[in-house]
């Protein structure tokens, strides 16, 4: 049994359901051709095994690579001034309706050069890489015109080529109405359906389609037009829903077989049941809940009752979730939403992979999946949600290949 690499002397949090963390004590993990070829107790290693390289992990815990399944990582400028306004009592909806919010980032993103956007986005992606993220979703949505939306999606693809991480792209042209269409919402939907989405598809730039279904964005009727078109193109769909109000977006997403519904502070029990029946993932975004100082958390008890899988993501964006650490959101999910540390870690590995439609290749340490591994200087997997900040990553492997020192990842790392 010939392997490329065999990792020994570790504790494996495989995240396979059935036991806490899917833990295997005194584990061994083998990889061949970039995929996991064997995982189990070291005592059970096949006697005929042979590996070109054997790595002693000195008792470290090993998890699957982390997955950030909801980000708005590419944008121009910042919105620190809105942070101040909110501290003075301004509501997010008020800021947005006054031309701030998403529209202020749209203006900055349109004005920025492609090189400037790429440099800033790469720095943010490297921060994720340094803390063990190997799969990253990136949405468009700060262009709201044909050329800038396509530029954002193209830059997201470029990041996937430049960095040793898997990048999935989501077209979120339906993020909000641009100023030039402020009184013509249906015309803007037509632009998305007739031009933006077809051109993105023809250029191979889009993996999924998302819509912000909310009072300050798009109605369920408008969202459905986009979901229907995306489904007709054979694309996966997702939906921002229930962040500020319940417009029935979760039920709509379920009818279209969405991979995930994201935010979900405001959602009915009937729509949670519909999500369960459709296999939708609930992606919780505690960074936005925290930053906006919201008071109604997502109905985690209902998700558990109906067995709706719960993912956790950073929602990195310059306005409502300027969170530059996925690990921080694990702590937030536990503290603010009362998830267990195991649920939080599953939400950033196994369930996050499902939220991106990648569960066949990522999210757990199982034979046949890509050998994306992170070794941690911890005594218990719960520490990944317990500690607020701090460097715990000891090593990172992507597709079977060891990456550089995580301390240097944020400033530069070898490309694929």
Protein backbone atom coordinates (compact mmCIF):
# COMPACT_ATOMS: atom_id res chain seq x y z
CA UNK A 1 0.00 0.00 0.00
CA UNK A 2 1.99 2.98 -1.31
CA UNK A 3 1.23 6.49 -0.03
CA UNK A 4 2.80 9.86 -0.68
CA UNK A 5 2.62 11.02 2.94
CA UNK A 6 1.74 9.44 6.26
CA UNK A 7 1.03 11.63 9.29
CA UNK A 8 1.47 9.91 12.66
CA UNK A 9 1.26 10.71 16.36
CA UNK A 10 -1.79 12.96 16.19
CA UNK A 11 -5.35 13.23 17.47
CA UNK A 12 -7.78 13.49 14.55
CA UNK A 13 -11.03 15.48 14.80
CA UNK A 14 -12.38 13.95 11.60
CA UNK A 15 -15.76 15.76 11.97
CA UNK A 16 -17.48 12.62 10.73
CA UNK A 17 -20.87 12.37 12.51
CA UNK A 18 -21.46 9.67 15.08
CA UNK A 19 -19.14 10.57 17.94
CA UNK A 20 -17.89 13.85 19.46
CA UNK A 21 -15.83 15.60 16.77
CA UNK A 22 -15.49 12.22 15.05
CA UNK A 23 -12.36 11.99 17.19
CA UNK A 24 -9.70 9.33 16.70
CA UNK A 25 -7.00 9.17 19.37
CA UNK A 26 -3.44 8.27 18.37
CA UNK A 27 -4.46 8.57 14.74
CA UNK A 28 -2.72 8.11 11.43
CA UNK A 29 -3.67 9.82 8.18
CA UNK A 30 -2.29 8.91 4.76
CA UNK A 31 -2.54 10.75 1.46
CA UNK A 32 -1.99 9.73 -2.13
CA UNK A 33 -2.36 12.00 -5.18
CA UNK A 34 -3.72 14.82 -3.05
CA UNK A 35 -6.50 12.82 -1.42
CA UNK A 36 -6.89 10.99 1.86
CA UNK A 37 -6.07 7.35 1.27
CA UNK A 38 -6.35 6.05 4.83
CA UNK A 39 -7.41 7.40 8.24
CA UNK A 40 -7.78 5.55 11.51
CA UNK A 41 -5.98 4.50 14.65
CA UNK A 42 -2.25 4.11 14.23
CA UNK A 43 -2.59 0.67 15.82
CA UNK A 44 -4.78 -0.37 12.87
CA UNK A 45 -2.40 0.66 10.09
CA UNK A 46 -2.13 -2.03 7.41
CA UNK A 47 1.10 -3.96 7.99
CA UNK A 48 2.09 -3.62 4.33
CA UNK A 49 1.84 0.17 4.27
CA UNK A 50 4.61 2.23 2.73
CA UNK A 51 4.90 6.03 2.50
CA UNK A 52 7.41 8.21 0.69
CA UNK A 53 7.29 10.66 3.60
CA UNK A 54 6.37 10.08 7.25
CA UNK A 55 5.52 13.12 9.41
CA UNK A 56 5.42 13.01 13.21
CA UNK A 57 2.86 15.56 14.44
CA UNK A 58 3.99 15.38 18.07
CA UNK A 59 0.50 14.80 19.47
CA UNK A 60 -1.21 17.76 17.74
CA UNK A 61 -4.89 17.78 16.99
CA UNK A 62 -5.71 17.64 13.28
CA UNK A 63 -8.93 18.87 11.69
CA UNK A 64 -10.15 19.28 8.13
CA UNK A 65 -9.22 22.59 6.58
CA UNK A 66 -11.63 25.32 7.65
CA UNK A 67 -14.23 26.61 5.18
CA UNK A 68 -15.55 30.18 5.11
CA UNK A 69 -18.76 29.71 3.13
CA UNK A 70 -20.06 33.31 3.03
CA UNK A 71 -17.82 36.31 2.37
CA UNK A 72 -17.89 39.60 0.48
CA UNK A 73 -14.11 39.67 0.37
CA UNK A 74 -13.60 41.89 -2.68
CA UNK A 75 -14.48 45.55 -2.16
CA UNK A 76 -13.09 49.06 -2.27
CA UNK A 77 -12.73 51.43 0.66
CA UNK A 78 -14.17 50.91 4.13
CA UNK A 79 -17.16 52.08 6.18
CA UNK A 80 -15.60 53.03 9.50
CA UNK A 81 -17.70 56.20 9.47
CA UNK A 82 -20.87 54.10 9.55
CA UNK A 83 -19.51 52.26 12.56
CA UNK A 84 -19.38 55.60 14.34
CA UNK A 85 -22.90 56.51 13.19
CA UNK A 86 -24.29 53.24 14.51
CA UNK A 87 -22.59 53.82 17.84
CA UNK A 88 -24.40 57.17 17.95
CA UNK A 89 -27.72 55.38 17.46
CA UNK A 90 -28.29 55.32 13.69
CA UNK A 91 -30.00 52.19 12.40
CA UNK A 92 -28.54 50.19 9.52
CA UNK A 93 -31.74 50.60 7.50
CA UNK A 94 -31.62 54.40 7.99
CA UNK A 95 -28.00 54.59 6.84
CA UNK A 96 -28.74 52.42 3.81
CA UNK A 97 -31.81 54.40 2.73
CA UNK A 98 -29.79 57.62 2.98
CA UNK A 99 -27.31 56.36 0.38
CA UNK A 100 -24.83 54.78 2.73
CA UNK A 101 -24.45 51.10 3.41
CA UNK A 102 -23.91 48.90 0.37
CA UNK A 103 -24.17 51.82 -2.06
CA UNK A 104 -21.21 53.63 -0.50
CA UNK A 105 -19.09 50.51 -1.03
CA UNK A 106 -20.41 50.21 -4.58
CA UNK A 107 -19.12 53.72 -5.30
CA UNK A 108 -15.69 52.90 -3.85
CA UNK A 109 -15.48 49.56 -5.65
CA UNK A 110 -16.42 51.00 -9.02
CA UNK A 111 -13.74 53.68 -8.58
CA UNK A 112 -10.96 51.27 -7.59
CA UNK A 113 -8.63 49.71 -10.12
CA UNK A 114 -8.58 45.96 -10.60
CA UNK A 115 -5.02 45.85 -9.23
CA UNK A 116 -5.99 47.73 -6.08
CA UNK A 117 -8.99 45.48 -5.50
CA UNK A 118 -6.88 42.36 -6.01
CA UNK A 119 -4.13 43.49 -3.64
CA UNK A 120 -6.59 44.28 -0.86
CA UNK A 121 -8.57 41.08 -1.38
CA UNK A 122 -5.44 38.95 -1.48
CA UNK A 123 -4.32 40.36 1.87
CA UNK A 124 -7.69 39.45 3.40
CA UNK A 125 -7.58 35.98 1.86
CA UNK A 126 -4.07 35.39 3.21
CA UNK A 127 -5.33 36.16 6.71
CA UNK A 128 -7.87 33.37 6.26
CA UNK A 129 -5.19 31.06 4.92
CA UNK A 130 -2.95 31.72 7.93
CA UNK A 131 -5.68 30.61 10.34
CA UNK A 132 -6.38 27.34 8.55
CA UNK A 133 -8.98 28.22 5.90
CA UNK A 134 -8.50 26.16 2.75
CA UNK A 135 -11.88 26.80 1.06
CA UNK A 136 -13.35 30.26 0.60
CA UNK A 137 -16.57 31.54 -0.96
CA UNK A 138 -16.47 35.05 -2.48
CA UNK A 139 -19.54 36.97 -3.62
CA UNK A 140 -19.82 39.82 -6.07
CA UNK A 141 -22.40 42.50 -5.33
CA UNK A 142 -20.42 45.71 -4.90
CA UNK A 143 -20.47 46.49 -8.61
CA UNK A 144 -24.16 46.49 -9.52
CA UNK A 145 -23.25 47.15 -13.14
CA UNK A 146 -22.12 44.80 -15.84
CA UNK A 147 -18.41 45.52 -15.94
CA UNK A 148 -17.76 45.81 -12.20
CA UNK A 149 -19.74 42.68 -11.35
CA UNK A 150 -17.76 40.72 -13.92
CA UNK A 151 -14.52 42.25 -12.67
CA UNK A 152 -15.27 41.13 -9.10
CA UNK A 153 -16.02 37.58 -10.19
CA UNK A 154 -12.89 37.51 -12.36
CA UNK A 155 -10.75 38.72 -9.46
CA UNK A 156 -12.24 36.01 -7.25
CA UNK A 157 -11.22 33.41 -9.81
CA UNK A 158 -7.75 35.01 -9.92
CA UNK A 159 -7.41 34.61 -6.16
CA UNK A 160 -8.12 30.92 -6.51
CA UNK A 161 -5.23 30.69 -8.97
CA UNK A 162 -2.81 32.83 -6.96
CA UNK A 163 -3.32 31.25 -3.54
CA UNK A 164 -3.24 27.66 -2.27
CA UNK A 165 -6.93 27.60 -1.46
CA UNK A 166 -10.14 26.63 -3.21
CA UNK A 167 -12.30 29.63 -4.12
CA UNK A 168 -15.99 29.36 -5.01
CA UNK A 169 -17.62 32.35 -6.71
CA UNK A 170 -21.18 33.55 -6.16
CA UNK A 171 -22.92 36.14 -8.33
CA UNK A 172 -24.72 38.52 -5.97
CA UNK A 173 -25.58 41.22 -8.50
CA UNK A 174 -28.94 41.36 -6.70
CA UNK A 175 -27.36 42.81 -3.55
CA UNK A 176 -29.30 46.09 -3.64
CA UNK A 177 -30.56 48.56 -6.22
CA UNK A 178 -27.88 50.79 -7.75
CA UNK A 179 -28.64 54.51 -7.74
CA UNK A 180 -29.22 54.58 -11.48
CA UNK A 181 -32.06 52.05 -11.04
CA UNK A 182 -33.43 53.33 -7.73
CA UNK A 183 -36.90 53.83 -9.24
CA UNK A 184 -36.72 50.94 -11.69
CA UNK A 185 -36.18 47.72 -9.76
CA UNK A 186 -37.66 45.45 -12.41
CA UNK A 187 -35.43 47.01 -15.06
CA UNK A 188 -32.39 46.21 -12.92
CA UNK A 189 -33.58 42.63 -12.54
CA UNK A 190 -33.82 42.53 -16.34
CA UNK A 191 -30.19 43.73 -16.57
CA UNK A 192 -29.08 40.90 -14.28
CA UNK A 193 -31.05 38.27 -16.18
CA UNK A 194 -30.35 39.51 -19.69
CA UNK A 195 -26.72 40.60 -19.39
CA UNK A 196 -24.82 40.19 -16.12
CA UNK A 197 -25.65 36.56 -15.42
CA UNK A 198 -25.32 35.27 -19.01
CA UNK A 199 -21.97 37.00 -19.47
CA UNK A 200 -20.68 35.67 -16.15
CA UNK A 201 -21.76 32.17 -17.11
CA UNK A 202 -20.28 32.39 -20.60
CA UNK A 203 -16.96 33.49 -19.06
CA UNK A 204 -16.95 30.63 -16.56
CA UNK A 205 -16.97 33.02 -13.62
CA UNK A 206 -19.89 31.86 -11.51
CA UNK A 207 -20.53 28.79 -9.36
CA UNK A 208 -23.72 29.94 -7.63
CA UNK A 209 -26.25 32.78 -7.58
CA UNK A 210 -27.42 34.68 -4.50
CA UNK A 211 -30.05 37.37 -3.81
CA UNK A 212 -30.55 39.72 -0.85
CA UNK A 213 -34.26 39.26 -0.09
CA UNK A 214 -35.01 42.03 2.38
CA UNK A 215 -37.04 45.22 2.76
CA UNK A 216 -34.02 47.36 1.85
CA UNK A 217 -33.11 45.13 -1.10
CA UNK A 218 -35.35 42.81 -3.17
CA UNK A 219 -38.85 41.44 -2.69
CA UNK A 220 -39.60 37.72 -2.78
CA UNK A 221 -41.20 38.17 -6.22
CA UNK A 222 -38.06 39.82 -7.58
CA UNK A 223 -35.81 37.27 -5.89
CA UNK A 224 -37.81 34.43 -7.40
CA UNK A 225 -37.18 35.72 -10.93
CA UNK A 226 -33.45 35.39 -10.34
CA UNK A 227 -33.65 32.04 -8.57
CA UNK A 228 -35.74 30.64 -11.40
CA UNK A 229 -33.30 31.85 -14.03
CA UNK A 230 -30.30 30.50 -12.12
CA UNK A 231 -31.96 27.12 -11.78
CA UNK A 232 -32.73 27.09 -15.50
CA UNK A 233 -29.02 27.69 -16.13
CA UNK A 234 -28.23 24.72 -13.89
CA UNK A 235 -26.53 26.88 -11.24
CA UNK A 236 -26.71 26.40 -7.50
CA UNK A 237 -28.70 29.04 -5.64
CA UNK A 238 -28.41 30.66 -2.22
CA UNK A 239 -30.38 33.42 -0.50
CA UNK A 240 -29.72 36.18 2.02
CA UNK A 241 -32.96 36.11 4.02
CA UNK A 242 -34.39 36.97 7.41
CA UNK A 243 -31.64 39.33 8.50
CA UNK A 244 -33.86 42.31 9.37
CA UNK A 245 -37.37 40.98 8.77
CA UNK A 246 -39.23 37.85 7.70
CA UNK A 247 -40.42 38.16 4.11
CA UNK A 248 -40.73 34.41 3.66
CA UNK A 249 -37.38 34.20 1.89
CA UNK A 250 -36.37 30.96 3.58
CA UNK A 251 -39.46 29.19 2.29
CA UNK A 252 -38.84 30.60 -1.19
CA UNK A 253 -35.25 29.35 -1.12
CA UNK A 254 -36.45 25.93 -0.03
CA UNK A 255 -38.84 25.73 -3.00
CA UNK A 256 -35.89 26.29 -5.32
CA UNK A 257 -33.67 23.75 -3.60
CA UNK A 258 -31.18 26.33 -2.39
CA UNK A 259 -27.87 25.12 -1.03
CA UNK A 260 -28.24 27.53 1.86
CA UNK A 261 -30.22 30.34 3.40
CA UNK A 262 -28.00 32.86 5.16
CA UNK A 263 -28.60 35.16 8.20
CA UNK A 264 -32.02 33.87 9.40
CA UNK A 265 -32.52 35.93 12.53
CA UNK A 266 -36.17 36.31 11.45
CA UNK A 267 -37.71 33.08 10.12
CA UNK A 268 -40.91 31.17 10.80
CA UNK A 269 -41.11 27.61 12.03
CA UNK A 270 -42.94 26.66 8.83
CA UNK A 271 -40.04 27.93 6.73
CA UNK A 272 -37.51 26.14 8.92
CA UNK A 273 -39.49 22.95 8.32
CA UNK A 274 -39.44 23.70 4.57
CA UNK A 275 -35.68 24.16 4.68
CA UNK A 276 -35.33 20.78 6.36
CA UNK A 277 -37.43 19.10 3.69
CA UNK A 278 -35.37 20.70 0.92
CA UNK A 279 -32.00 19.92 2.51
CA UNK A 280 -31.06 23.61 2.84
CA UNK A 281 -28.23 24.62 5.15
CA UNK A 282 -28.77 27.47 7.61
CA UNK A 283 -25.68 29.69 7.40
CA UNK A 284 -25.45 31.78 10.56
CA UNK A 285 -23.45 35.01 10.48
CA UNK A 286 -22.73 36.09 14.05
CA UNK A 287 -20.35 38.84 12.94
CA UNK A 288 -23.21 40.84 11.42
CA UNK A 289 -25.44 40.14 14.43
CA UNK A 290 -22.69 41.43 16.71
CA UNK A 291 -21.74 44.46 14.61
CA UNK A 292 -25.34 45.63 14.21
CA UNK A 293 -26.06 44.91 17.89
CA UNK A 294 -29.13 42.92 16.95
CA UNK A 295 -31.27 41.45 19.70
CA UNK A 296 -33.14 38.59 18.00
CA UNK A 297 -30.83 35.64 17.39
CA UNK A 298 -31.53 32.91 14.83
CA UNK A 299 -33.87 30.17 16.10
CA UNK A 300 -31.16 27.60 16.76
CA UNK A 301 -33.58 25.42 18.74
CA UNK A 302 -35.81 25.12 15.65
CA UNK A 303 -32.87 24.24 13.45
CA UNK A 304 -31.97 21.48 15.88
CA UNK A 305 -35.59 20.32 16.15
CA UNK A 306 -35.96 19.94 12.39
CA UNK A 307 -32.35 18.83 11.87
CA UNK A 308 -31.46 21.73 9.60
CA UNK A 309 -27.65 21.69 9.28
CA UNK A 310 -26.00 24.80 10.73
CA UNK A 311 -22.98 26.40 9.09
CA UNK A 312 -20.98 29.33 10.43
CA UNK A 313 -19.32 31.97 8.25
CA UNK A 314 -17.61 35.30 8.70
CA UNK A 315 -19.75 37.35 6.27
CA UNK A 316 -16.63 39.50 5.87
CA UNK A 317 -17.74 42.83 4.43
CA UNK A 318 -16.81 46.46 5.08
CA UNK A 319 -20.13 47.51 6.60
CA UNK A 320 -22.06 45.06 8.73
CA UNK A 321 -19.43 42.38 9.44
CA UNK A 322 -15.86 43.69 9.24
CA UNK A 323 -14.68 40.38 10.67
CA UNK A 324 -11.26 39.30 9.46
CA UNK A 325 -11.12 36.01 11.35
CA UNK A 326 -13.30 32.94 10.78
CA UNK A 327 -12.15 31.48 14.09
CA UNK A 328 -13.52 34.51 15.91
CA UNK A 329 -16.97 33.74 14.51
CA UNK A 330 -16.83 30.27 16.06
CA UNK A 331 -16.57 31.91 19.48
CA UNK A 332 -19.32 34.37 18.56
CA UNK A 333 -21.60 31.54 17.43
CA UNK A 334 -21.19 29.84 20.80
CA UNK A 335 -21.45 32.99 22.91
CA UNK A 336 -24.21 34.81 21.01
CA UNK A 337 -26.21 31.91 19.54
CA UNK A 338 -25.47 29.21 22.14
CA UNK A 339 -24.03 26.69 19.72
CA UNK A 340 -21.79 24.05 21.22
CA UNK A 341 -18.09 24.20 20.30
CA UNK A 342 -18.58 21.00 18.30
CA UNK A 343 -21.51 22.49 16.37
CA UNK A 344 -19.44 25.60 15.66
CA UNK A 345 -16.47 23.62 14.33
CA UNK A 346 -18.78 21.41 12.24
CA UNK A 347 -20.31 24.63 10.95
CA UNK A 348 -16.95 25.76 9.60
CA UNK A 349 -15.97 22.36 8.17
CA UNK A 350 -18.48 19.61 7.37
CA UNK A 351 -21.62 21.75 7.13
CA UNK A 352 -19.87 24.67 5.44
CA UNK A 353 -18.78 22.26 2.70
CA UNK A 354 -22.40 21.26 2.22
CA UNK A 355 -23.43 24.94 2.04
CA UNK A 356 -21.16 25.24 -1.00
CA UNK A 357 -22.11 21.90 -2.55
CA UNK A 358 -18.60 20.59 -1.90
CA UNK A 359 -19.34 17.87 0.65
CA UNK A 360 -18.07 15.10 -1.63
CA UNK A 361 -14.54 16.49 -1.53
CA UNK A 362 -14.16 18.66 1.58
CA UNK A 363 -15.24 19.12 5.17
CA UNK A 364 -14.27 15.87 6.89
CA UNK A 365 -11.23 13.64 7.17
CA UNK A 366 -12.44 10.64 5.16
CA UNK A 367 -10.94 8.46 2.49
CA UNK A 368 -11.38 9.88 -0.98
CA UNK A 369 -11.69 13.50 0.08
CA UNK A 370 -8.99 16.05 -0.59
CA UNK A 371 -6.18 15.95 1.96
CA UNK A 372 -6.81 19.44 3.35
CA UNK A 373 -5.58 19.27 6.95
CA UNK A 374 -4.76 21.70 9.72
CA UNK A 375 -2.71 20.76 12.78
CA UNK A 376 -3.36 22.76 15.95
CA UNK A 377 -1.44 23.43 19.16
CA UNK A 378 -4.40 22.60 21.41
CA UNK A 379 -5.36 19.96 23.95
CA UNK A 380 -9.05 19.81 23.03
CA UNK A 381 -10.95 20.69 19.81
CA UNK A 382 -13.28 22.90 21.86
CA UNK A 383 -10.39 25.32 22.20
CA UNK A 384 -10.87 26.39 18.59
CA UNK A 385 -14.11 28.08 19.65
CA UNK A 386 -13.01 28.88 23.22
CA UNK A 387 -9.98 31.07 22.57
CA UNK A 388 -10.61 34.60 21.32
CA UNK A 389 -7.67 35.33 19.05
CA UNK A 390 -4.19 33.91 19.31
CA UNK A 391 -2.22 31.73 16.93
CA UNK A 392 -2.98 28.03 17.27
CA UNK A 393 -2.16 26.72 13.78
CA UNK A 394 0.93 24.53 13.70
CA UNK A 395 0.77 23.39 10.10
CA UNK A 396 -1.46 23.35 7.04
CA UNK A 397 -1.78 20.86 4.21
CA UNK A 398 -3.72 21.48 1.03
CA UNK A 399 -4.39 18.64 -1.39
CA UNK A 400 -1.69 16.64 0.33
CA UNK A 401 1.02 19.32 0.10
CA UNK A 402 2.49 21.05 3.12
CA UNK A 403 2.09 24.82 3.04
CA UNK A 404 4.59 27.25 4.53
CA UNK A 405 4.83 28.57 8.06
CA UNK A 406 1.34 29.92 8.94
CA UNK A 407 2.95 32.96 10.53
CA UNK A 408 4.15 34.04 7.10
CA UNK A 409 0.94 33.30 5.20
CA UNK A 410 -0.59 36.72 5.77
CA UNK A 411 2.35 38.46 4.10
CA UNK A 412 3.14 36.02 1.31
CA UNK A 413 3.17 32.34 0.41
CA UNK A 414 4.11 30.17 -2.49
CA UNK A 415 1.42 29.91 -5.13
CA UNK A 416 -0.10 26.69 -6.40
